[in-house]
C-alpha atoms as a PDB file:
ATOM      1  CA  MET A   1      71.015  58.400  87.205  1.00  0.00           C
ATOM      2  CA  SER A   2      73.495  59.761  84.751  1.00  0.00           C
ATOM      3  CA  ALA A   3      77.192  58.170  84.768  1.00  0.00           C
ATOM      4  CA  THR A   4      78.598  60.883  86.077  1.00  0.00           C
ATOM      5  CA  ASP A   5      76.752  61.446  89.252  1.00  0.00           C
ATOM      6  CA  GLY A   6      79.161  59.519  91.402  1.00  0.00           C
ATOM      7  CA  GLY A   7      81.235  61.398  94.175  1.00  0.00           C
ATOM      8  CA  THR A   8      84.483  61.076  92.080  1.00  0.00           C
ATOM      9  CA  VAL A   9      83.701  62.477  88.946  1.00  0.00           C
ATOM     10  CA  GLU A  10      82.030  65.439  90.862  1.00  0.00           C
ATOM     11  CA  GLN A  11      84.489  66.258  92.893  1.00  0.00           C
ATOM     12  CA  TYR A  12      87.323  66.308  89.969  1.00  0.00           C
ATOM     13  CA  LEU A  13      84.593  68.489  88.410  1.00  0.00           C
ATOM     14  CA  ASP A  14      84.185  70.736  91.200  1.00  0.00           C
ATOM     15  CA  GLN A  15      88.067  71.223  91.772  1.00  0.00           C
ATOM     16  CA  LEU A  16      88.656  71.572  88.194  1.00  0.00           C
ATOM     17  CA  TYR A  17      86.040  74.359  88.165  1.00  0.00           C
ATOM     18  CA  GLY A  18      87.844  76.193  91.420  1.00  0.00           C
ATOM     19  CA  ARG A  19      91.288  76.191  89.684  1.00  0.00           C
ATOM     20  CA  LEU A  20      90.259  77.624  86.150  1.00  0.00           C
ATOM     21  CA  ARG A  21      91.196  81.425  86.006  1.00  0.00           C
ATOM     22  CA  CYS A  22      89.360  82.420  82.733  1.00  0.00           C
ATOM     23  CA  ALA A  23      86.402  84.037  81.073  1.00  0.00           C
ATOM     24  CA  PRO A  24      83.000  82.513  82.590  1.00  0.00           C
ATOM     25  CA  ARG A  25      82.330  81.456  79.124  1.00  0.00           C
ATOM     26  CA  ASP A  26      85.473  79.887  78.431  1.00  0.00           C
ATOM     27  CA  ALA A  27      85.351  78.111  81.882  1.00  0.00           C
ATOM     28  CA  ARG A  28      81.867  76.687  80.997  1.00  0.00           C
ATOM     29  CA  ARG A  29      82.998  75.508  77.830  1.00  0.00           C
ATOM     30  CA  ILE A  30      86.024  73.514  79.205  1.00  0.00           C
ATOM     31  CA  LEU A  31      84.078  72.203  82.154  1.00  0.00           C
ATOM     32  CA  ALA A  32      81.623  70.816  79.594  1.00  0.00           C
ATOM     33  CA  GLU A  33      84.247  69.201  77.356  1.00  0.00           C
ATOM     34  CA  ALA A  34      85.546  67.688  80.584  1.00  0.00           C
ATOM     35  CA  GLU A  35      82.109  66.295  81.470  1.00  0.00           C
ATOM     36  CA  ASP A  36      81.534  64.995  77.800  1.00  0.00           C
ATOM     37  CA  HIS A  37      84.761  63.037  78.224  1.00  0.00           C
ATOM     38  CA  LEU A  38      84.428  61.824  81.629  1.00  0.00           C
ATOM     39  CA  ARG A  39      80.735  60.441  81.143  1.00  0.00           C
ATOM     40  CA  GLU A  40      81.793  58.406  77.989  1.00  0.00           C
ATOM     41  CA  ALA A  41      84.595  56.995  80.037  1.00  0.00           C
ATOM     42  CA  VAL A  42      82.339  56.018  82.631  1.00  0.00           C
ATOM     43  CA  THR A  43      80.077  54.574  80.254  1.00  0.00           C
ATOM     44  CA  ASP A  44      82.895  52.541  78.563  1.00  0.00           C
ATOM     45  CA  GLY A  45      84.183  51.419  82.022  1.00  0.00           C
ATOM     46  CA  LEU A  46      80.641  50.001  82.910  1.00  0.00           C
ATOM     47  CA  ALA A  47      80.411  48.449  79.630  1.00  0.00           C
ATOM     48  CA  ALA A  48      83.566  46.454  80.204  1.00  0.00           C
ATOM     49  CA  GLY A  49      82.583  45.277  83.541  1.00  0.00           C
ATOM     50  CA  LEU A  50      83.792  47.864  86.224  1.00  0.00           C
ATOM     51  CA  THR A  51      81.716  49.114  89.199  1.00  0.00           C
ATOM     52  CA  GLN A  52      80.636  52.593  89.237  1.00  0.00           C
ATOM     53  CA  GLN A  53      83.232  53.712  91.352  1.00  0.00           C
ATOM     54  CA  GLU A  54      86.251  51.890  89.881  1.00  0.00           C
ATOM     55  CA  ALA A  55      84.663  53.445  86.226  1.00  0.00           C
ATOM     56  CA  GLU A  56      84.880  56.829  87.562  1.00  0.00           C
ATOM     57  CA  GLU A  57      88.017  56.504  89.268  1.00  0.00           C
ATOM     58  CA  GLN A  58      89.714  54.893  85.899  1.00  0.00           C
ATOM     59  CA  ALA A  59      87.886  57.861  83.645  1.00  0.00           C
ATOM     60  CA  VAL A  60      89.674  60.300  85.867  1.00  0.00           C
ATOM     61  CA  SER A  61      92.975  58.757  86.156  1.00  0.00           C
ATOM     62  CA  SER A  62      93.063  58.606  82.293  1.00  0.00           C
ATOM     63  CA  PHE A  63      91.805  62.228  81.787  1.00  0.00           C
ATOM     64  CA  GLY A  64      94.532  63.517  83.803  1.00  0.00           C
ATOM     65  CA  SER A  65      94.952  65.787  87.099  1.00  0.00           C
ATOM     66  CA  VAL A  66      93.301  68.857  87.456  1.00  0.00           C
ATOM     67  CA  ARG A  67      96.623  70.742  87.823  1.00  0.00           C
ATOM     68  CA  ALA A  68      97.444  69.307  84.461  1.00  0.00           C
ATOM     69  CA  VAL A  69      94.169  70.385  82.884  1.00  0.00           C
ATOM     70  CA  VAL A  70      94.393  73.814  84.168  1.00  0.00           C
ATOM     71  CA  ARG A  71      98.102  74.257  83.193  1.00  0.00           C
ATOM     72  CA  ALA A  72      96.958  72.894  79.706  1.00  0.00           C
ATOM     73  CA  HIS A  73      94.575  76.067  79.361  1.00  0.00           C
ATOM     74  CA  ASP A  74      96.895  78.196  80.901  1.00  0.00           C
ATOM     75  CA  GLY A  75      99.804  77.834  78.509  1.00  0.00           C
ATOM     76  CA  GLY A  76     103.058  79.661  78.701  1.00  0.00           C
ATOM     77  CA  ILE A  77     103.184  82.658  81.312  1.00  0.00           C
ATOM     78  CA  TRP A  78      99.598  82.305  81.963  1.00  0.00           C
ATOM     79  CA  ARG A  79     100.591  79.592  84.551  1.00  0.00           C
ATOM     80  CA  LEU A  80     100.965  82.315  87.243  1.00  0.00           C
ATOM     81  CA  PRO A  81      97.965  83.747  88.022  1.00  0.00           C
ATOM     82  CA  GLY A  82      99.723  87.058  89.342  1.00  0.00           C
ATOM     83  CA  ARG A  83     101.419  87.406  85.940  1.00  0.00           C
ATOM     84  CA  ALA A  84      98.081  87.228  84.299  1.00  0.00           C
ATOM     85  CA  VAL A  85      96.328  89.862  86.335  1.00  0.00           C
ATOM     86  CA  LEU A  86      99.333  92.324  85.680  1.00  0.00           C
ATOM     87  CA  PHE A  87      99.330  91.711  82.088  1.00  0.00           C
ATOM     88  CA  ASP A  88      95.378  92.710  82.366  1.00  0.00           C
ATOM     89  CA  LEU A  89      95.809  95.446  84.442  1.00  0.00           C
ATOM     90  CA  ALA A  90      98.477  96.759  81.887  1.00  0.00           C
ATOM     91  CA  LEU A  91      96.194  96.326  79.187  1.00  0.00           C
ATOM     92  CA  ALA A  92      93.396  98.255  81.077  1.00  0.00           C
ATOM     93  CA  GLY A  93      95.702 100.899  81.439  1.00  0.00           C
ATOM     94  CA  LEU A  94      96.961 101.264  77.964  1.00  0.00           C
ATOM     95  CA  LYS A  95      92.685 101.368  77.012  1.00  0.00           C
ATOM     96  CA  LEU A  96      92.332 103.475  79.561  1.00  0.00           C
ATOM     97  CA  GLY A  97      94.839 106.121  78.780  1.00  0.00           C
ATOM     98  CA  GLY A  98      94.138 105.963  74.977  1.00  0.00           C
ATOM     99  CA  ILE A  99      90.441 106.842  75.402  1.00  0.00           C
ATOM    100  CA  GLY A 100      91.505 109.333  77.858  1.00  0.00           C
ATOM    101  CA  ALA A 101      93.874 111.167  75.226  1.00  0.00           C
ATOM    102  CA  LEU A 102      91.235 110.913  72.784  1.00  0.00           C
ATOM    103  CA  ALA A 103      88.636 112.575  74.998  1.00  0.00           C
ATOM    104  CA  VAL A 104      91.427 115.425  75.406  1.00  0.00           C
ATOM    105  CA  GLY A 105      91.453 115.556  71.960  1.00  0.00           C
ATOM    106  CA  ALA A 106      87.753 115.642  71.503  1.00  0.00           C
ATOM    107  CA  SER A 107      87.877 118.806  73.781  1.00  0.00           C
ATOM    108  CA  GLY A 108      90.137 120.385  71.525  1.00  0.00           C
ATOM    109  CA  LEU A 109      87.416 120.409  68.880  1.00  0.00           C
ATOM    110  CA  LEU A 110      84.892 121.767  71.020  1.00  0.00           C
ATOM    111  CA  ALA A 111      87.340 124.266  72.174  1.00  0.00           C
ATOM    112  CA  ALA A 112      87.613 125.348  68.643  1.00  0.00           C
ATOM    113  CA  ALA A 113      84.042 125.089  67.943  1.00  0.00           C
ATOM    114  CA  MET A 114      83.628 127.674  70.771  1.00  0.00           C
ATOM    115  CA  ASN A 115      86.259 129.822  69.782  1.00  0.00           C
ATOM    116  CA  LEU A 116      84.400 130.160  66.180  1.00  0.00           C
ATOM    117  CA  LEU A 117      81.019 130.427  67.556  1.00  0.00           C
ATOM    118  CA  LEU A 118      81.637 132.798  70.964  1.00  0.00           C
ATOM    119  CA  GLY A 119      85.018 134.132  70.343  1.00  0.00           C
ATOM    120  CA  PRO A 120      88.394 133.359  71.753  1.00  0.00           C
ATOM    121  CA  GLY A 121      88.017 135.410  74.899  1.00  0.00           C
ATOM    122  CA  PHE A 122      85.269 132.846  75.978  1.00  0.00           C
ATOM    123  CA  VAL A 123      87.936 129.970  75.985  1.00  0.00           C
ATOM    124  CA  GLY A 124      91.228 131.915  76.257  1.00  0.00           C
ATOM    125  CA  GLY A 125      89.951 134.673  78.890  1.00  0.00           C
ATOM    126  CA  THR A 126      89.670 138.263  79.188  1.00  0.00           C
ATOM    127  CA  GLY A 127      93.268 139.105  79.845  1.00  0.00           C
ATOM    128  CA  ARG A 128      92.278 141.952  82.272  1.00  0.00           C
ATOM    129  CA  GLY A 129      93.775 142.463  85.753  1.00  0.00           C
ATOM    130  CA  VAL A 130      96.879 139.833  84.498  1.00  0.00           C
ATOM    131  CA  THR A 131     100.536 140.696  84.610  1.00  0.00           C
ATOM    132  CA  TYR A 132     102.356 139.011  81.844  1.00  0.00           C
ATOM    133  CA  PRO A 133     106.190 138.580  81.676  1.00  0.00           C
ATOM    134  CA  ALA A 134     107.816 140.658  78.953  1.00  0.00           C
ATOM    135  CA  ALA A 135     109.239 137.664  77.268  1.00  0.00           C
ATOM    136  CA  SER A 136     106.356 135.980  77.173  1.00  0.00           C
ATOM    137  CA  CYS A 137     104.401 139.158  75.291  1.00  0.00           C
ATOM    138  CA  ARG A 138     107.329 139.589  72.883  1.00  0.00           C
ATOM    139  CA  TRP A 139     106.647 135.595  72.063  1.00  0.00           C
ATOM    140  CA  TRP A 140     102.909 136.400  71.979  1.00  0.00           C
ATOM    141  CA  LEU A 141     102.992 139.192  69.823  1.00  0.00           C
ATOM    142  CA  ALA A 142     105.174 138.071  67.061  1.00  0.00           C
ATOM    143  CA  ASP A 143     102.754 135.080  67.024  1.00  0.00           C
ATOM    144  CA  ASN A 144     100.146 137.188  66.652  1.00  0.00           C
ATOM    145  CA  PRO A 145     100.663 140.061  64.146  1.00  0.00           C
ATOM    146  CA  GLY A 146      98.495 143.010  63.786  1.00  0.00           C
ATOM    147  CA  VAL A 147      97.592 142.606  67.739  1.00  0.00           C
ATOM    148  CA  HIS A 148      98.955 145.471  70.072  1.00  0.00           C
ATOM    149  CA  SER A 149      97.890 144.494  73.318  1.00  0.00           C
ATOM    150  CA  CYS A 150     100.186 142.092  75.336  1.00  0.00           C
ATOM    151  CA  ALA A 151      96.625 141.019  77.428  1.00  0.00           C
ATOM    152  CA  ARG A 152      94.881 140.435  73.800  1.00  0.00           C
ATOM    153  CA  ALA A 153      97.938 138.387  72.467  1.00  0.00           C
ATOM    154  CA  ALA A 154      97.492 136.386  75.425  1.00  0.00           C
ATOM    155  CA  VAL A 155      93.577 135.876  74.799  1.00  0.00           C
ATOM    156  CA  LEU A 156      94.214 134.510  71.504  1.00  0.00           C
ATOM    157  CA  GLU A 157      97.272 132.243  72.463  1.00  0.00           C
ATOM    158  CA  ASN A 158      95.473 130.664  75.347  1.00  0.00           C
ATOM    159  CA  SER A 159      92.275 129.937  72.940  1.00  0.00           C
ATOM    160  CA  ILE A 160      94.978 128.656  70.386  1.00  0.00           C
ATOM    161  CA  ASP A 161      96.637 126.496  72.833  1.00  0.00           C
ATOM    162  CA  ALA A 162      93.164 124.939  73.841  1.00  0.00           C
ATOM    163  CA  VAL A 163      93.033 123.393  70.446  1.00  0.00           C
ATOM    164  CA  SER A 164      96.271 122.620  69.301  1.00  0.00           C
ATOM    165  CA  LEU A 165      97.625 120.976  72.245  1.00  0.00           C
ATOM    166  CA  ARG A 166      94.569 118.945  73.070  1.00  0.00           C
ATOM    167  CA  LEU A 167      94.707 117.778  69.417  1.00  0.00           C
ATOM    168  CA  ALA A 168      98.101 116.864  70.022  1.00  0.00           C
ATOM    169  CA  VAL A 169      97.120 114.657  73.158  1.00  0.00           C
ATOM    170  CA  GLY A 170      94.377 113.274  71.098  1.00  0.00           C
ATOM    171  CA  VAL A 171      96.935 111.994  68.453  1.00  0.00           C
ATOM    172  CA  LEU A 172      98.785 110.332  71.243  1.00  0.00           C
ATOM    173  CA  GLY A 173      95.334 108.472  72.308  1.00  0.00           C
ATOM    174  CA  LEU A 174      95.145 107.261  68.859  1.00  0.00           C
ATOM    175  CA  ILE A 175      98.702 105.513  69.232  1.00  0.00           C
ATOM    176  CA  LEU A 176      98.129 104.372  72.554  1.00  0.00           C
ATOM    177  CA  LEU A 177      95.082 102.521  71.232  1.00  0.00           C
ATOM    178  CA  LEU A 178      96.674 101.194  68.460  1.00  0.00           C
ATOM    179  CA  CYS A 179      99.327  99.650  70.554  1.00  0.00           C
ATOM    180  CA  TYR A 180      96.461  98.644  73.132  1.00  0.00           C
ATOM    181  CA  TYR A 181      94.862  96.207  69.749  1.00  0.00           C
ATOM    182  CA  VAL A 182      97.963  95.025  68.420  1.00  0.00           C
ATOM    183  CA  ALA A 183      99.089  94.071  71.569  1.00  0.00           C
ATOM    184  CA  PRO A 184      99.737  90.343  72.228  1.00  0.00           C
ATOM    185  CA  ARG A 185      96.961  88.960  74.484  1.00  0.00           C
ATOM    186  CA  ARG A 186      95.077  85.932  74.823  1.00  0.00           C
ATOM    187  CA  ARG A 187      91.057  87.403  74.832  1.00  0.00           C
ATOM    188  CA  SER A 188      90.025  83.917  76.824  1.00  0.00           C
ATOM    189  CA  ARG A 189      92.426  84.587  79.354  1.00  0.00           C
ATOM    190  CA  HIS A 190      91.081  87.647  80.882  1.00  0.00           C
ATOM    191  CA  VAL A 191      91.332  87.693  84.576  1.00  0.00           C
ATOM    192  CA  LEU A 192      89.857  90.610  85.733  1.00  0.00           C
ATOM    193  CA  PRO A 193      86.095  91.269  85.714  1.00  0.00           C
ATOM    194  CA  ASP A 194      84.321  92.374  82.427  1.00  0.00           C
ATOM    195  CA  GLY A 195      83.109  95.751  84.209  1.00  0.00           C
ATOM    196  CA  PHE A 196      86.450  96.469  85.420  1.00  0.00           C
ATOM    197  CA  VAL A 197      87.319  99.211  82.717  1.00  0.00           C
ATOM    198  CA  PRO A 198      83.935 100.643  82.521  1.00  0.00           C
ATOM    199  CA  THR A 199      83.741 100.910  86.328  1.00  0.00           C
ATOM    200  CA  ILE A 200      87.454 102.784  86.393  1.00  0.00           C
ATOM    201  CA  ALA A 201      86.199 104.964  83.513  1.00  0.00           C
ATOM    202  CA  VAL A 202      83.144 106.234  84.744  1.00  0.00           C
ATOM    203  CA  SER A 203      84.796 107.021  88.081  1.00  0.00           C
ATOM    204  CA  LEU A 204      87.457 108.969  86.213  1.00  0.00           C
ATOM    205  CA  PHE A 205      85.317 110.510  83.659  1.00  0.00           C
ATOM    206  CA  GLY A 206      82.618 111.500  86.246  1.00  0.00           C
ATOM    207  CA  ALA A 207      84.841 113.065  88.682  1.00  0.00           C
ATOM    208  CA  ALA A 208      86.860 115.026  85.820  1.00  0.00           C
ATOM    209  CA  GLY A 209      83.621 116.539  84.494  1.00  0.00           C
ATOM    210  CA  ALA A 210      82.070 117.409  87.504  1.00  0.00           C
ATOM    211  CA  GLY A 211      85.246 119.130  88.716  1.00  0.00           C
ATOM    212  CA  LEU A 212      85.586 121.033  85.473  1.00  0.00           C
ATOM    213  CA  ALA A 213      81.848 122.018  85.032  1.00  0.00           C
ATOM    214  CA  LEU A 214      82.217 123.619  88.858  1.00  0.00           C
ATOM    215  CA  LEU A 215      85.132 125.513  87.723  1.00  0.00           C
ATOM    216  CA  ALA A 216      83.273 126.676  84.448  1.00  0.00           C
ATOM    217  CA  ALA A 217      80.191 127.617  86.447  1.00  0.00           C
ATOM    218  CA  SER A 218      81.833 129.244  89.569  1.00  0.00           C
ATOM    219  CA  GLY A 219      84.435 131.031  87.954  1.00  0.00           C
ATOM    220  CA  GLY A 220      87.397 129.207  89.531  1.00  0.00           C
ATOM    221  CA  PRO A 221      91.199 129.577  90.058  1.00  0.00           C
ATOM    222  CA  GLY A 222      92.722 130.948  86.680  1.00  0.00           C
ATOM    223  CA  ILE A 223      89.164 131.952  85.131  1.00  0.00           C
ATOM    224  CA  SER A 224      90.889 135.291  84.453  1.00  0.00           C
ATOM    225  CA  VAL A 225      93.727 133.944  82.736  1.00  0.00           C
ATOM    226  CA  VAL A 226      91.318 131.780  80.731  1.00  0.00           C
ATOM    227  CA  GLY A 227      87.742 131.885  80.224  1.00  0.00           C
ATOM    228  CA  PRO A 228      84.975 129.526  81.232  1.00  0.00           C
ATOM    229  CA  GLY A 229      85.048 127.492  77.851  1.00  0.00           C
ATOM    230  CA  TRP A 230      88.347 126.267  78.609  1.00  0.00           C
ATOM    231  CA  TYR A 231      86.872 124.116  81.541  1.00  0.00           C
ATOM    232  CA  LEU A 232      83.345 123.765  79.829  1.00  0.00           C
ATOM    233  CA  SER A 233      84.999 122.220  76.840  1.00  0.00           C
ATOM    234  CA  GLY A 234      86.513 119.416  79.195  1.00  0.00           C
ATOM    235  CA  ALA A 235      83.704 119.242  81.113  1.00  0.00           C
ATOM    236  CA  LEU A 236      81.236 118.249  78.478  1.00  0.00           C
ATOM    237  CA  VAL A 237      83.466 115.653  76.700  1.00  0.00           C
ATOM    238  CA  ALA A 238      84.346 114.173  80.117  1.00  0.00           C
ATOM    239  CA  LEU A 239      80.458 113.978  81.158  1.00  0.00           C
ATOM    240  CA  VAL A 240      79.668 112.557  77.668  1.00  0.00           C
ATOM    241  CA  MET A 241      82.164 109.885  78.170  1.00  0.00           C
ATOM    242  CA  ALA A 242      81.094 109.078  81.831  1.00  0.00           C
ATOM    243  CA  ALA A 243      77.620 108.714  80.401  1.00  0.00           C
ATOM    244  CA  ALA A 244      78.633 106.224  77.706  1.00  0.00           C
ATOM    245  CA  PHE A 245      80.777 104.128  79.788  1.00  0.00           C
ATOM    246  CA  ALA A 246      77.945 103.835  82.284  1.00  0.00           C
ATOM    247  CA  LEU A 247      75.742 102.456  79.663  1.00  0.00           C
ATOM    248  CA  GLN A 248      78.427  99.716  79.084  1.00  0.00           C
ATOM    249  CA  LEU A 249      78.503  99.140  82.496  1.00  0.00           C
ATOM    250  CA  ASN A 250      74.977  98.627  82.977  1.00  0.00           C
ATOM    251  CA  ARG A 251      75.021  96.268  79.889  1.00  0.00           C
ATOM    252  CA  THR A 252      77.609  94.249  81.624  1.00  0.00           C
ATOM    253  CA  LEU A 253      75.873  93.948  84.895  1.00  0.00           C
ATOM    254  CA  LEU A 254      72.529  93.290  83.239  1.00  0.00           C
ATOM    255  CA  ARG A 255      74.376  90.341  81.464  1.00  0.00           C
ATOM    256  CA  ARG A 256      75.916  89.004  84.349  1.00  0.00           C
ATOM    257  CA  ALA A 257      72.752  89.088  86.362  1.00  0.00           C
ATOM    258  CA  HIS A 258      70.646  87.061  83.336  1.00  0.00           C
ATOM    259  CA  GLY A 259      74.149  84.702  83.600  1.00  0.00           C
END
């Protein structure tokens, strides 16, 4: 029987484990360090002539209360679990927002490829059967010299917007991700589960990809104003992102299943 098999030390370790709010790896490290220290203290107490119970009580008393140990590892603002959760949620939102905006930018690059390979009408629409405001027509014709049809100018404008506006969103995504990576945080104090971000990402990207693919395939609302490529470019990127996060989620679940 080891020195720490008695009730006092075991109860202390159980309480410490229940109060820790950190990543599993960090919790195991803290518990291992606490158990090693307590084992040595109990051994010293037994060598000094104390009984097992007395040695354990003295070891626990000298080590400090569970609350003190947890607070020492929490530090600063991390004393309140609710604040830690909110901070982790903010970081997760920043990361997901940046990745989502980058995906929009990637769909802009795909729309540019579709414009080049399949023509601007595949992304920008046919322009047939659509009535455009006179002011918009003058603007589009001025932006596209040499084009004499308002419908054609609208198609070109749509096809260009599908690229330029999405690329601008992609730049915003880079800024958000930069903010995420430079944000002050304690990586050892993650409160949310490891699979939280990939689970949300799979759900959002999967739903967006399925919806956009359905619109592209069925000629949904606005298909005469914009072409199927408008939706398809977004659907393909969203589905690829969903698949990538699904693989990440699967690895996380397998890692957790294997301890």
